[in-house]
Amino acid sequence: QAQQIISDDDDYDDDGTLREDVKESYSDKYSELDYMSDYIADEE
């Protein structure tokens, strides 16, 4: 089911990775939430 959710979700690319534009959008949207700070990072 985990694999199917990712496969069917347009937010993920064909390799099963969250698309960069979606990641940026969600990062902006949830940046004010303290608990999300560990997940939102400026990744090189």
PDB file of all heavy atoms in Angstrom:
ATOM      1  N   GLN A   1       0.833  -1.210   0.000  1.00  0.00           N
ATOM      2  CA  GLN A   1       0.000   0.000   0.000  1.00  0.00           C
ATOM      3  C   GLN A   1       0.864   1.255   0.000  1.00  0.00           C
ATOM      4  O   GLN A   1       0.542   2.223  -0.686  1.00  0.00           O
ATOM      5  CB  GLN A   1      -0.926   0.010   1.219  1.00  0.00           C
ATOM      6  CG  GLN A   1      -2.036  -1.004   1.128  1.00  0.00           C
ATOM      7  CD  GLN A   1      -2.781  -1.165   2.450  1.00  0.00           C
ATOM      8  OE1 GLN A   1      -2.190  -1.102   3.522  1.00  0.00           O
ATOM      9  NE2 GLN A   1      -4.087  -1.381   2.356  1.00  0.00           N
ATOM     10  N   ALA A   2       1.958   1.235   0.758  1.00  0.00           N
ATOM     11  CA  ALA A   2       2.869   2.386   0.803  1.00  0.00           C
ATOM     12  C   ALA A   2       3.426   2.671  -0.589  1.00  0.00           C
ATOM     13  O   ALA A   2       3.486   3.828  -1.024  1.00  0.00           O
ATOM     14  CB  ALA A   2       3.995   2.126   1.799  1.00  0.00           C
ATOM     15  N   GLN A   3       3.822   1.637  -1.286  1.00  0.00           N
ATOM     16  CA  GLN A   3       4.354   1.805  -2.643  1.00  0.00           C
ATOM     17  C   GLN A   3       3.268   2.293  -3.594  1.00  0.00           C
ATOM     18  O   GLN A   3       3.513   3.145  -4.454  1.00  0.00           O
ATOM     19  CB  GLN A   3       4.950   0.485  -3.136  1.00  0.00           C
ATOM     20  CG  GLN A   3       6.178   0.082  -2.374  1.00  0.00           C
ATOM     21  CD  GLN A   3       6.608  -1.354  -2.635  1.00  0.00           C
ATOM     22  OE1 GLN A   3       5.843  -2.181  -3.154  1.00  0.00           O
ATOM     23  NE2 GLN A   3       7.840  -1.673  -2.260  1.00  0.00           N
ATOM     24  N   GLN A   4       2.058   1.774  -3.451  1.00  0.00           N
ATOM     25  CA  GLN A   4       0.938   2.158  -4.317  1.00  0.00           C
ATOM     26  C   GLN A   4       0.537   3.619  -4.100  1.00  0.00           C
ATOM     27  O   GLN A   4       0.239   4.330  -5.057  1.00  0.00           O
ATOM     28  CB  GLN A   4      -0.252   1.231  -4.078  1.00  0.00           C
ATOM     29  CG  GLN A   4      -1.246   1.221  -5.195  1.00  0.00           C
ATOM     30  CD  GLN A   4      -0.643   0.712  -6.500  1.00  0.00           C
ATOM     31  OE1 GLN A   4       0.038  -0.298  -6.532  1.00  0.00           O
ATOM     32  NE2 GLN A   4      -0.878   1.431  -7.567  1.00  0.00           N
ATOM     33  N   ILE A   5       0.520   4.056  -2.860  1.00  0.00           N
ATOM     34  CA  ILE A   5       0.178   5.454  -2.555  1.00  0.00           C
ATOM     35  C   ILE A   5       1.128   6.387  -3.293  1.00  0.00           C
ATOM     36  O   ILE A   5       0.707   7.343  -3.942  1.00  0.00           O
ATOM     37  CB  ILE A   5       0.223   5.718  -1.034  1.00  0.00           C
ATOM     38  CG1 ILE A   5      -0.948   5.012  -0.337  1.00  0.00           C
ATOM     39  CG2 ILE A   5       0.196   7.221  -0.736  1.00  0.00           C
ATOM     40  CD1 ILE A   5      -0.831   4.966   1.177  1.00  0.00           C
ATOM     41  N   ILE A   6       2.426   6.095  -3.216  1.00  0.00           N
ATOM     42  CA  ILE A   6       3.428   6.936  -3.874  1.00  0.00           C
ATOM     43  C   ILE A   6       3.288   6.844  -5.389  1.00  0.00           C
ATOM     44  O   ILE A   6       3.347   7.848  -6.097  1.00  0.00           O
ATOM     45  CB  ILE A   6       4.853   6.537  -3.433  1.00  0.00           C
ATOM     46  CG1 ILE A   6       5.021   6.729  -1.929  1.00  0.00           C
ATOM     47  CG2 ILE A   6       5.916   7.309  -4.205  1.00  0.00           C
ATOM     48  CD1 ILE A   6       4.742   8.107  -1.403  1.00  0.00           C
ATOM     49  N   SER A   7       3.075   5.656  -5.905  1.00  0.00           N
ATOM     50  CA  SER A   7       2.936   5.441  -7.345  1.00  0.00           C
ATOM     51  C   SER A   7       1.750   6.211  -7.920  1.00  0.00           C
ATOM     52  O   SER A   7       1.830   6.750  -9.032  1.00  0.00           O
ATOM     53  CB  SER A   7       2.778   3.947  -7.619  1.00  0.00           C
ATOM     54  OG  SER A   7       2.550   3.701  -8.967  1.00  0.00           O
ATOM     55  N   ASP A   8       0.663   6.282  -7.170  1.00  0.00           N
ATOM     56  CA  ASP A   8      -0.560   6.930  -7.646  1.00  0.00           C
ATOM     57  C   ASP A   8      -0.601   8.434  -7.386  1.00  0.00           C
ATOM     58  O   ASP A   8      -1.509   9.111  -7.860  1.00  0.00           O
ATOM     59  CB  ASP A   8      -1.788   6.300  -6.980  1.00  0.00           C
ATOM     60  CG  ASP A   8      -1.998   4.854  -7.410  1.00  0.00           C
ATOM     61  OD1 ASP A   8      -1.408   4.427  -8.423  1.00  0.00           O
ATOM     62  OD2 ASP A   8      -2.767   4.146  -6.714  1.00  0.00           O
ATOM     63  N   ASP A   9       0.351   8.959  -6.634  1.00  0.00           N
ATOM     64  CA  ASP A   9       0.330  10.356  -6.214  1.00  0.00           C
ATOM     65  C   ASP A   9       1.141  11.225  -7.174  1.00  0.00           C
ATOM     66  O   ASP A   9       2.345  11.017  -7.335  1.00  0.00           O
ATOM     67  CB  ASP A   9       0.886  10.472  -4.795  1.00  0.00           C
ATOM     68  CG  ASP A   9       0.637  11.814  -4.165  1.00  0.00           C
ATOM     69  OD1 ASP A   9       0.610  12.824  -4.884  1.00  0.00           O
ATOM     70  OD2 ASP A   9       0.468  11.858  -2.936  1.00  0.00           O
ATOM     71  N   ASP A  10       0.499  12.215  -7.770  1.00  0.00           N
ATOM     72  CA  ASP A  10       1.171  13.108  -8.711  1.00  0.00           C
ATOM     73  C   ASP A  10       2.219  14.004  -8.055  1.00  0.00           C
ATOM     74  O   ASP A  10       3.028  14.628  -8.749  1.00  0.00           O
ATOM     75  CB  ASP A  10       0.151  13.997  -9.428  1.00  0.00           C
ATOM     76  CG  ASP A  10      -0.723  13.207 -10.390  1.00  0.00           C
ATOM     77  OD1 ASP A  10      -0.299  12.111 -10.814  1.00  0.00           O
ATOM     78  OD2 ASP A  10      -1.832  13.681 -10.698  1.00  0.00           O
ATOM     79  N   ASP A  11       2.221  14.079  -6.727  1.00  0.00           N
ATOM     80  CA  ASP A  11       3.231  14.873  -6.029  1.00  0.00           C
ATOM     81  C   ASP A  11       4.607  14.207  -6.065  1.00  0.00           C
ATOM     82  O   ASP A  11       5.616  14.843  -5.790  1.00  0.00           O
ATOM     83  CB  ASP A  11       2.841  15.107  -4.566  1.00  0.00           C
ATOM     84  CG  ASP A  11       1.701  16.104  -4.419  1.00  0.00           C
ATOM     85  OD1 ASP A  11       1.366  16.792  -5.414  1.00  0.00           O
ATOM     86  OD2 ASP A  11       1.142  16.204  -3.310  1.00  0.00           O
ATOM     87  N   TYR A  12       4.628  12.920  -6.404  1.00  0.00           N
ATOM     88  CA  TYR A  12       5.884  12.169  -6.490  1.00  0.00           C
ATOM     89  C   TYR A  12       6.220  11.907  -7.954  1.00  0.00           C
ATOM     90  O   TYR A  12       5.337  11.709  -8.777  1.00  0.00           O
ATOM     91  CB  TYR A  12       5.765  10.830  -5.745  1.00  0.00           C
ATOM     92  CG  TYR A  12       5.777  11.001  -4.241  1.00  0.00           C
ATOM     93  CD1 TYR A  12       4.608  11.273  -3.543  1.00  0.00           C
ATOM     94  CD2 TYR A  12       6.962  10.897  -3.518  1.00  0.00           C
ATOM     95  CE1 TYR A  12       4.614  11.438  -2.163  1.00  0.00           C
ATOM     96  CE2 TYR A  12       6.977  11.052  -2.141  1.00  0.00           C
ATOM     97  CZ  TYR A  12       5.807  11.327  -1.470  1.00  0.00           C
ATOM     98  OH  TYR A  12       5.818  11.497  -0.112  1.00  0.00           O
ATOM     99  N   ASP A  13       7.523  11.906  -8.262  1.00  0.00           N
ATOM    100  CA  ASP A  13       7.946  11.633  -9.637  1.00  0.00           C
ATOM    101  C   ASP A  13       7.952  10.129  -9.897  1.00  0.00           C
ATOM    102  O   ASP A  13       7.600   9.330  -9.029  1.00  0.00           O
ATOM    103  CB  ASP A  13       9.302  12.288  -9.935  1.00  0.00           C
ATOM    104  CG  ASP A  13      10.456  11.733  -9.101  1.00  0.00           C
ATOM    105  OD1 ASP A  13      10.342  10.612  -8.551  1.00  0.00           O
ATOM    106  OD2 ASP A  13      11.488  12.426  -9.005  1.00  0.00           O
ATOM    107  N   ASP A  14       8.373   9.757 -11.093  1.00  0.00           N
ATOM    108  CA  ASP A  14       8.366   8.343 -11.484  1.00  0.00           C
ATOM    109  C   ASP A  14       9.315   7.486 -10.652  1.00  0.00           C
ATOM    110  O   ASP A  14       9.162   6.271 -10.582  1.00  0.00           O
ATOM    111  CB  ASP A  14       8.726   8.198 -12.966  1.00  0.00           C
ATOM    112  CG  ASP A  14       7.632   8.748 -13.873  1.00  0.00           C
ATOM    113  OD1 ASP A  14       6.479   8.871 -13.403  1.00  0.00           O
ATOM    114  OD2 ASP A  14       7.938   9.067 -15.038  1.00  0.00           O
ATOM    115  N   ASP A  15      10.310   8.123 -10.019  1.00  0.00           N
ATOM    116  CA  ASP A  15      11.253   7.396  -9.170  1.00  0.00           C
ATOM    117  C   ASP A  15      10.775   7.287  -7.720  1.00  0.00           C
ATOM    118  O   ASP A  15      11.472   6.741  -6.877  1.00  0.00           O
ATOM    119  CB  ASP A  15      12.624   8.078  -9.196  1.00  0.00           C
ATOM    120  CG  ASP A  15      13.259   8.025 -10.573  1.00  0.00           C
ATOM    121  OD1 ASP A  15      13.072   7.015 -11.286  1.00  0.00           O
ATOM    122  OD2 ASP A  15      13.947   8.995 -10.940  1.00  0.00           O
ATOM    123  N   GLY A  16       9.602   7.846  -7.423  1.00  0.00           N
ATOM    124  CA  GLY A  16       9.068   7.781  -6.068  1.00  0.00           C
ATOM    125  C   GLY A  16       9.624   8.828  -5.132  1.00  0.00           C
ATOM    126  O   GLY A  16       9.612   8.651  -3.917  1.00  0.00           O
ATOM    127  N   THR A  17      10.107   9.932  -5.691  1.00  0.00           N
ATOM    128  CA  THR A  17      10.658  11.027  -4.902  1.00  0.00           C
ATOM    129  C   THR A  17       9.719  12.225  -5.001  1.00  0.00           C
ATOM    130  O   THR A  17       9.224  12.536  -6.087  1.00  0.00           O
ATOM    131  CB  THR A  17      12.060  11.420  -5.437  1.00  0.00           C
ATOM    132  OG1 THR A  17      12.906  10.265  -5.402  1.00  0.00           O
ATOM    133  CG2 THR A  17      12.676  12.540  -4.622  1.00  0.00           C
ATOM    134  N   LEU A  18       9.499  12.894  -3.875  1.00  0.00           N
ATOM    135  CA  LEU A  18       8.655  14.079  -3.856  1.00  0.00           C
ATOM    136  C   LEU A  18       9.228  15.124  -4.812  1.00  0.00           C
ATOM    137  O   LEU A  18      10.420  15.446  -4.751  1.00  0.00           O
ATOM    138  CB  LEU A  18       8.575  14.649  -2.434  1.00  0.00           C
ATOM    139  CG  LEU A  18       7.559  15.750  -2.190  1.00  0.00           C
ATOM    140  CD1 LEU A  18       6.128  15.253  -2.412  1.00  0.00           C
ATOM    141  CD2 LEU A  18       7.703  16.297  -0.772  1.00  0.00           C
ATOM    142  N   ARG A  19       8.396  15.609  -5.728  1.00  0.00           N
ATOM    143  CA  ARG A  19       8.852  16.594  -6.715  1.00  0.00           C
ATOM    144  C   ARG A  19       9.332  17.867  -6.003  1.00  0.00           C
ATOM    145  O   ARG A  19       8.763  18.275  -4.993  1.00  0.00           O
ATOM    146  CB  ARG A  19       7.732  16.930  -7.693  1.00  0.00           C
ATOM    147  CG  ARG A  19       7.340  15.772  -8.585  1.00  0.00           C
ATOM    148  CD  ARG A  19       6.366  16.149  -9.708  1.00  0.00           C
ATOM    149  NE  ARG A  19       5.876  17.505  -9.676  1.00  0.00           N
ATOM    150  CZ  ARG A  19       4.589  17.851  -9.470  1.00  0.00           C
ATOM    151  NH1 ARG A  19       3.681  16.918  -9.287  1.00  0.00           N
ATOM    152  NH2 ARG A  19       4.225  19.109  -9.481  1.00  0.00           N
ATOM    153  N   GLU A  20      10.367  18.485  -6.534  1.00  0.00           N
ATOM    154  CA  GLU A  20      10.965  19.673  -5.918  1.00  0.00           C
ATOM    155  C   GLU A  20       9.971  20.824  -5.777  1.00  0.00           C
ATOM    156  O   GLU A  20       9.947  21.505  -4.756  1.00  0.00           O
ATOM    157  CB  GLU A  20      12.197  20.140  -6.699  1.00  0.00           C
ATOM    158  CG  GLU A  20      13.458  19.391  -6.347  1.00  0.00           C
ATOM    159  CD  GLU A  20      13.825  19.435  -4.865  1.00  0.00           C
ATOM    160  OE1 GLU A  20      13.777  20.518  -4.254  1.00  0.00           O
ATOM    161  OE2 GLU A  20      14.142  18.364  -4.324  1.00  0.00           O
ATOM    162  N   ASP A  21       9.133  21.052  -6.799  1.00  0.00           N
ATOM    163  CA  ASP A  21       8.174  22.149  -6.713  1.00  0.00           C
ATOM    164  C   ASP A  21       7.154  21.911  -5.607  1.00  0.00           C
ATOM    165  O   ASP A  21       6.769  22.841  -4.886  1.00  0.00           O
ATOM    166  CB  ASP A  21       7.476  22.397  -8.056  1.00  0.00           C
ATOM    167  CG  ASP A  21       6.704  21.186  -8.568  1.00  0.00           C
ATOM    168  OD1 ASP A  21       7.173  20.044  -8.412  1.00  0.00           O
ATOM    169  OD2 ASP A  21       5.609  21.383  -9.128  1.00  0.00           O
ATOM    170  N   VAL A  22       6.765  20.663  -5.425  1.00  0.00           N
ATOM    171  CA  VAL A  22       5.826  20.307  -4.362  1.00  0.00           C
ATOM    172  C   VAL A  22       6.509  20.459  -3.006  1.00  0.00           C
ATOM    173  O   VAL A  22       5.940  21.012  -2.065  1.00  0.00           O
ATOM    174  CB  VAL A  22       5.306  18.865  -4.554  1.00  0.00           C
ATOM    175  CG1 VAL A  22       4.460  18.428  -3.378  1.00  0.00           C
ATOM    176  CG2 VAL A  22       4.529  18.751  -5.855  1.00  0.00           C
ATOM    177  N   LYS A  23       7.747  19.986  -2.922  1.00  0.00           N
ATOM    178  CA  LYS A  23       8.507  20.080  -1.677  1.00  0.00           C
ATOM    179  C   LYS A  23       8.652  21.548  -1.250  1.00  0.00           C
ATOM    180  O   LYS A  23       8.458  21.877  -0.082  1.00  0.00           O
ATOM    181  CB  LYS A  23       9.877  19.434  -1.863  1.00  0.00           C
ATOM    182  CG  LYS A  23      10.679  19.311  -0.601  1.00  0.00           C
ATOM    183  CD  LYS A  23      11.945  18.536  -0.878  1.00  0.00           C
ATOM    184  CE  LYS A  23      12.735  18.301   0.368  1.00  0.00           C
ATOM    185  NZ  LYS A  23      13.941  17.524   0.121  1.00  0.00           N
ATOM    186  N   GLU A  24       8.976  22.414  -2.191  1.00  0.00           N
ATOM    187  CA  GLU A  24       9.108  23.846  -1.887  1.00  0.00           C
ATOM    188  C   GLU A  24       7.782  24.439  -1.430  1.00  0.00           C
ATOM    189  O   GLU A  24       7.718  25.199  -0.461  1.00  0.00           O
ATOM    190  CB  GLU A  24       9.630  24.598  -3.100  1.00  0.00           C
ATOM    191  CG  GLU A  24      11.090  24.338  -3.389  1.00  0.00           C
ATOM    192  CD  GLU A  24      11.555  25.035  -4.664  1.00  0.00           C
ATOM    193  OE1 GLU A  24      10.938  26.048  -5.060  1.00  0.00           O
ATOM    194  OE2 GLU A  24      12.537  24.554  -5.251  1.00  0.00           O
ATOM    195  N   SER A  25       6.724  24.089  -2.119  1.00  0.00           N
ATOM    196  CA  SER A  25       5.392  24.590  -1.767  1.00  0.00           C
ATOM    197  C   SER A  25       4.987  24.172  -0.362  1.00  0.00           C
ATOM    198  O   SER A  25       4.533  24.988   0.443  1.00  0.00           O
ATOM    199  CB  SER A  25       4.373  24.092  -2.789  1.00  0.00           C
ATOM    200  OG  SER A  25       3.068  24.406  -2.394  1.00  0.00           O
ATOM    201  N   TYR A  26       5.159  22.883  -0.044  1.00  0.00           N
ATOM    202  CA  TYR A  26       4.800  22.382   1.278  1.00  0.00           C
ATOM    203  C   TYR A  26       5.729  22.951   2.355  1.00  0.00           C
ATOM    204  O   TYR A  26       5.295  23.233   3.468  1.00  0.00           O
ATOM    205  CB  TYR A  26       4.819  20.857   1.320  1.00  0.00           C
ATOM    206  CG  TYR A  26       3.719  20.185   0.526  1.00  0.00           C
ATOM    207  CD1 TYR A  26       3.753  18.828   0.279  1.00  0.00           C
ATOM    208  CD2 TYR A  26       2.642  20.900   0.023  1.00  0.00           C
ATOM    209  CE1 TYR A  26       2.753  18.193  -0.440  1.00  0.00           C
ATOM    210  CE2 TYR A  26       1.643  20.277  -0.705  1.00  0.00           C
ATOM    211  CZ  TYR A  26       1.701  18.923  -0.932  1.00  0.00           C
ATOM    212  OH  TYR A  26       0.703  18.295  -1.641  1.00  0.00           O
ATOM    213  N   SER A  27       6.997  23.121   2.024  1.00  0.00           N
ATOM    214  CA  SER A  27       7.939  23.708   2.979  1.00  0.00           C
ATOM    215  C   SER A  27       7.513  25.115   3.355  1.00  0.00           C
ATOM    216  O   SER A  27       7.516  25.488   4.527  1.00  0.00           O
ATOM    217  CB  SER A  27       9.355  23.733   2.398  1.00  0.00           C
ATOM    218  OG  SER A  27       9.875  22.444   2.260  1.00  0.00           O
ATOM    219  N   ASP A  28       7.129  25.892   2.357  1.00  0.00           N
ATOM    220  CA  ASP A  28       6.642  27.253   2.619  1.00  0.00           C
ATOM    221  C   ASP A  28       5.356  27.221   3.445  1.00  0.00           C
ATOM    222  O   ASP A  28       5.185  27.986   4.386  1.00  0.00           O
ATOM    223  CB  ASP A  28       6.379  27.999   1.311  1.00  0.00           C
ATOM    224  CG  ASP A  28       7.660  28.332   0.554  1.00  0.00           C
ATOM    225  OD1 ASP A  28       8.754  28.278   1.158  1.00  0.00           O
ATOM    226  OD2 ASP A  28       7.557  28.636  -0.652  1.00  0.00           O
ATOM    227  N   LYS A  29       4.467  26.323   3.082  1.00  0.00           N
ATOM    228  CA  LYS A  29       3.151  26.232   3.726  1.00  0.00           C
ATOM    229  C   LYS A  29       3.247  25.852   5.202  1.00  0.00           C
ATOM    230  O   LYS A  29       2.477  26.342   6.026  1.00  0.00           O
ATOM    231  CB  LYS A  29       2.314  25.209   2.961  1.00  0.00           C
ATOM    232  CG  LYS A  29       0.873  25.115   3.367  1.00  0.00           C
ATOM    233  CD  LYS A  29       0.143  24.177   2.418  1.00  0.00           C
ATOM    234  CE  LYS A  29      -1.321  24.069   2.712  1.00  0.00           C
ATOM    235  NZ  LYS A  29      -2.009  23.162   1.777  1.00  0.00           N
ATOM    236  N   TYR A  30       4.212  24.983   5.553  1.00  0.00           N
ATOM    237  CA  TYR A  30       4.292  24.450   6.909  1.00  0.00           C
ATOM    238  C   TYR A  30       5.530  24.913   7.683  1.00  0.00           C
ATOM    239  O   TYR A  30       5.840  24.372   8.738  1.00  0.00           O
ATOM    240  CB  TYR A  30       4.224  22.921   6.875  1.00  0.00           C
ATOM    241  CG  TYR A  30       2.927  22.431   6.286  1.00  0.00           C
ATOM    242  CD1 TYR A  30       2.882  21.827   5.041  1.00  0.00           C
ATOM    243  CD2 TYR A  30       1.728  22.635   6.954  1.00  0.00           C
ATOM    244  CE1 TYR A  30       1.684  21.404   4.489  1.00  0.00           C
ATOM    245  CE2 TYR A  30       0.521  22.224   6.411  1.00  0.00           C
ATOM    246  CZ  TYR A  30       0.509  21.613   5.177  1.00  0.00           C
ATOM    247  OH  TYR A  30      -0.690  21.210   4.621  1.00  0.00           O
ATOM    248  N   SER A  31       6.205  25.935   7.197  1.00  0.00           N
ATOM    249  CA  SER A  31       7.435  26.406   7.844  1.00  0.00           C
ATOM    250  C   SER A  31       7.199  26.963   9.247  1.00  0.00           C
ATOM    251  O   SER A  31       8.115  26.989  10.063  1.00  0.00           O
ATOM    252  CB  SER A  31       8.133  27.453   6.975  1.00  0.00           C
ATOM    253  OG  SER A  31       7.319  28.601   6.854  1.00  0.00           O
ATOM    254  N   GLU A  32       5.990  27.404   9.547  1.00  0.00           N
ATOM    255  CA  GLU A  32       5.677  27.964  10.865  1.00  0.00           C
ATOM    256  C   GLU A  32       5.455  26.902  11.942  1.00  0.00           C
ATOM    257  O   GLU A  32       5.386  27.231  13.125  1.00  0.00           O
ATOM    258  CB  GLU A  32       4.437  28.864  10.779  1.00  0.00           C
ATOM    259  CG  GLU A  32       4.617  30.053   9.854  1.00  0.00           C
ATOM    260  CD  GLU A  32       5.691  31.020  10.342  1.00  0.00           C
ATOM    261  OE1 GLU A  32       5.742  31.287  11.558  1.00  0.00           O
ATOM    262  OE2 GLU A  32       6.491  31.481   9.506  1.00  0.00           O
ATOM    263  N   LEU A  33       5.333  25.655  11.553  1.00  0.00           N
ATOM    264  CA  LEU A  33       5.077  24.581  12.513  1.00  0.00           C
ATOM    265  C   LEU A  33       6.401  24.091  13.096  1.00  0.00           C
ATOM    266  O   LEU A  33       7.256  23.586  12.378  1.00  0.00           O
ATOM    267  CB  LEU A  33       4.341  23.421  11.845  1.00  0.00           C
ATOM    268  CG  LEU A  33       2.963  23.746  11.262  1.00  0.00           C
ATOM    269  CD1 LEU A  33       2.399  22.538  10.539  1.00  0.00           C
ATOM    270  CD2 LEU A  33       2.010  24.232  12.354  1.00  0.00           C
ATOM    271  N   ASP A  34       6.565  24.241  14.403  1.00  0.00           N
ATOM    272  CA  ASP A  34       7.818  23.855  15.052  1.00  0.00           C
ATOM    273  C   ASP A  34       8.195  22.406  14.794  1.00  0.00           C
ATOM    274  O   ASP A  34       9.351  22.092  14.535  1.00  0.00           O
ATOM    275  CB  ASP A  34       7.739  24.095  16.561  1.00  0.00           C
ATOM    276  CG  ASP A  34       7.756  25.567  16.925  1.00  0.00           C
ATOM    277  OD1 ASP A  34       8.222  26.380  16.103  1.00  0.00           O
ATOM    278  OD2 ASP A  34       7.288  25.903  18.028  1.00  0.00           O
ATOM    279  N   TYR A  35       7.226  21.509  14.871  1.00  0.00           N
ATOM    280  CA  TYR A  35       7.547  20.095  14.713  1.00  0.00           C
ATOM    281  C   TYR A  35       7.990  19.742  13.296  1.00  0.00           C
ATOM    282  O   TYR A  35       8.607  18.708  13.083  1.00  0.00           O
ATOM    283  CB  TYR A  35       6.385  19.192  15.156  1.00  0.00           C
ATOM    284  CG  TYR A  35       5.099  19.342  14.373  1.00  0.00           C
ATOM    285  CD1 TYR A  35       4.879  18.619  13.207  1.00  0.00           C
ATOM    286  CD2 TYR A  35       4.099  20.198  14.820  1.00  0.00           C
ATOM    287  CE1 TYR A  35       3.700  18.754  12.502  1.00  0.00           C
ATOM    288  CE2 TYR A  35       2.917  20.330  14.121  1.00  0.00           C
ATOM    289  CZ  TYR A  35       2.720  19.606  12.964  1.00  0.00           C
ATOM    290  OH  TYR A  35       1.544  19.733  12.269  1.00  0.00           O
ATOM    291  N   MET A  36       7.710  20.609  12.334  1.00  0.00           N
ATOM    292  CA  MET A  36       8.139  20.343  10.957  1.00  0.00           C
ATOM    293  C   MET A  36       9.569  20.826  10.702  1.00  0.00           C
ATOM    294  O   MET A  36      10.151  20.518   9.676  1.00  0.00           O
ATOM    295  CB  MET A  36       7.184  21.000   9.959  1.00  0.00           C
ATOM    296  CG  MET A  36       5.815  20.348   9.874  1.00  0.00           C
ATOM    297  SD  MET A  36       5.824  18.594   9.444  1.00  0.00           S
ATOM    298  CE  MET A  36       6.501  18.613   7.808  1.00  0.00           C
ATOM    299  N   SER A  37      10.167  21.555  11.637  1.00  0.00           N
ATOM    300  CA  SER A  37      11.495  22.117  11.416  1.00  0.00           C
ATOM    301  C   SER A  37      12.551  21.047  11.153  1.00  0.00           C
ATOM    302  O   SER A  37      13.504  21.289  10.426  1.00  0.00           O
ATOM    303  CB  SER A  37      11.915  23.001  12.589  1.00  0.00           C
ATOM    304  OG  SER A  37      12.033  22.243  13.768  1.00  0.00           O
ATOM    305  N   ASP A  38      12.383  19.862  11.738  1.00  0.00           N
ATOM    306  CA  ASP A  38      13.337  18.781  11.465  1.00  0.00           C
ATOM    307  C   ASP A  38      13.214  18.258  10.041  1.00  0.00           C
ATOM    308  O   ASP A  38      14.173  17.735   9.484  1.00  0.00           O
ATOM    309  CB  ASP A  38      13.121  17.611  12.431  1.00  0.00           C
ATOM    310  CG  ASP A  38      13.547  17.956  13.849  1.00  0.00           C
ATOM    311  OD1 ASP A  38      14.346  18.893  14.024  1.00  0.00           O
ATOM    312  OD2 ASP A  38      13.074  17.281  14.776  1.00  0.00           O
ATOM    313  N   TYR A  39      12.044  18.384   9.461  1.00  0.00           N
ATOM    314  CA  TYR A  39      11.807  17.876   8.114  1.00  0.00           C
ATOM    315  C   TYR A  39      12.094  18.905   7.037  1.00  0.00           C
ATOM    316  O   TYR A  39      12.402  18.557   5.908  1.00  0.00           O
ATOM    317  CB  TYR A  39      10.347  17.410   7.981  1.00  0.00           C
ATOM    318  CG  TYR A  39       9.946  16.378   8.995  1.00  0.00           C
ATOM    319  CD1 TYR A  39       8.956  16.647   9.929  1.00  0.00           C
ATOM    320  CD2 TYR A  39      10.552  15.135   9.027  1.00  0.00           C
ATOM    321  CE1 TYR A  39       8.574  15.692  10.861  1.00  0.00           C
ATOM    322  CE2 TYR A  39      10.184  14.175   9.966  1.00  0.00           C
ATOM    323  CZ  TYR A  39       9.194  14.471  10.869  1.00  0.00           C
ATOM    324  OH  TYR A  39       8.824  13.533  11.787  1.00  0.00           O
ATOM    325  N   ILE A  40      11.944  20.179   7.388  1.00  0.00           N
ATOM    326  CA  ILE A  40      12.169  21.248   6.429  1.00  0.00           C
ATOM    327  C   ILE A  40      13.587  21.756   6.615  1.00  0.00           C
ATOM    328  O   ILE A  40      13.911  22.353   7.617  1.00  0.00           O
ATOM    329  CB  ILE A  40      11.163  22.407   6.626  1.00  0.00           C
ATOM    330  CG1 ILE A  40       9.732  21.901   6.481  1.00  0.00           C
ATOM    331  CG2 ILE A  40      11.444  23.527   5.645  1.00  0.00           C
ATOM    332  CD1 ILE A  40       8.668  22.915   6.846  1.00  0.00           C
ATOM    333  N   ALA A  41      14.427  21.482   5.658  1.00  0.00           N
ATOM    334  CA  ALA A  41      15.825  21.910   5.742  1.00  0.00           C
ATOM    335  C   ALA A  41      16.287  22.358   4.382  1.00  0.00           C
ATOM    336  O   ALA A  41      15.777  21.927   3.351  1.00  0.00           O
ATOM    337  CB  ALA A  41      16.697  20.760   6.242  1.00  0.00           C
ATOM    338  N   ASP A  42      17.224  23.260   4.395  1.00  0.00           N
ATOM    339  CA  ASP A  42      17.852  23.666   3.126  1.00  0.00           C
ATOM    340  C   ASP A  42      18.832  22.577   2.746  1.00  0.00           C
ATOM    341  O   ASP A  42      19.941  22.524   3.266  1.00  0.00           O
ATOM    342  CB  ASP A  42      18.571  25.002   3.280  1.00  0.00           C
ATOM    343  CG  ASP A  42      17.617  26.139   3.565  1.00  0.00           C
ATOM    344  OD1 ASP A  42      16.473  26.071   3.111  1.00  0.00           O
ATOM    345  OD2 ASP A  42      18.045  27.087   4.220  1.00  0.00           O
ATOM    346  N   GLU A  43      18.391  21.694   1.880  1.00  0.00           N
ATOM    347  CA  GLU A  43      19.224  20.572   1.483  1.00  0.00           C
ATOM    348  C   GLU A  43      20.051  20.933   0.271  1.00  0.00           C
ATOM    349  O   GLU A  43      19.577  21.555  -0.668  1.00  0.00           O
ATOM    350  CB  GLU A  43      18.362  19.345   1.164  1.00  0.00           C
ATOM    351  CG  GLU A  43      17.604  18.839   2.361  1.00  0.00           C
ATOM    352  CD  GLU A  43      16.734  17.651   2.029  1.00  0.00           C
ATOM    353  OE1 GLU A  43      16.818  17.145   0.899  1.00  0.00           O
ATOM    354  OE2 GLU A  43      15.974  17.231   2.903  1.00  0.00           O
ATOM    355  N   GLU A  44      21.288  20.559   0.326  1.00  0.00           N
ATOM    356  CA  GLU A  44      22.176  20.735  -0.813  1.00  0.00           C
ATOM    357  C   GLU A  44      22.043  19.522  -1.714  1.00  0.00           C
ATOM    358  O   GLU A  44      22.036  18.390  -1.224  1.00  0.00           O
ATOM    359  CB  GLU A  44      23.636  20.885  -0.337  1.00  0.00           C
ATOM    360  CG  GLU A  44      23.877  22.123   0.494  1.00  0.00           C
ATOM    361  CD  GLU A  44      23.649  23.406  -0.279  1.00  0.00           C
ATOM    362  OE1 GLU A  44      24.021  23.460  -1.459  1.00  0.00           O
ATOM    363  OE2 GLU A  44      23.099  24.358   0.296  1.00  0.00           O
TER     364      GLU A  44
END
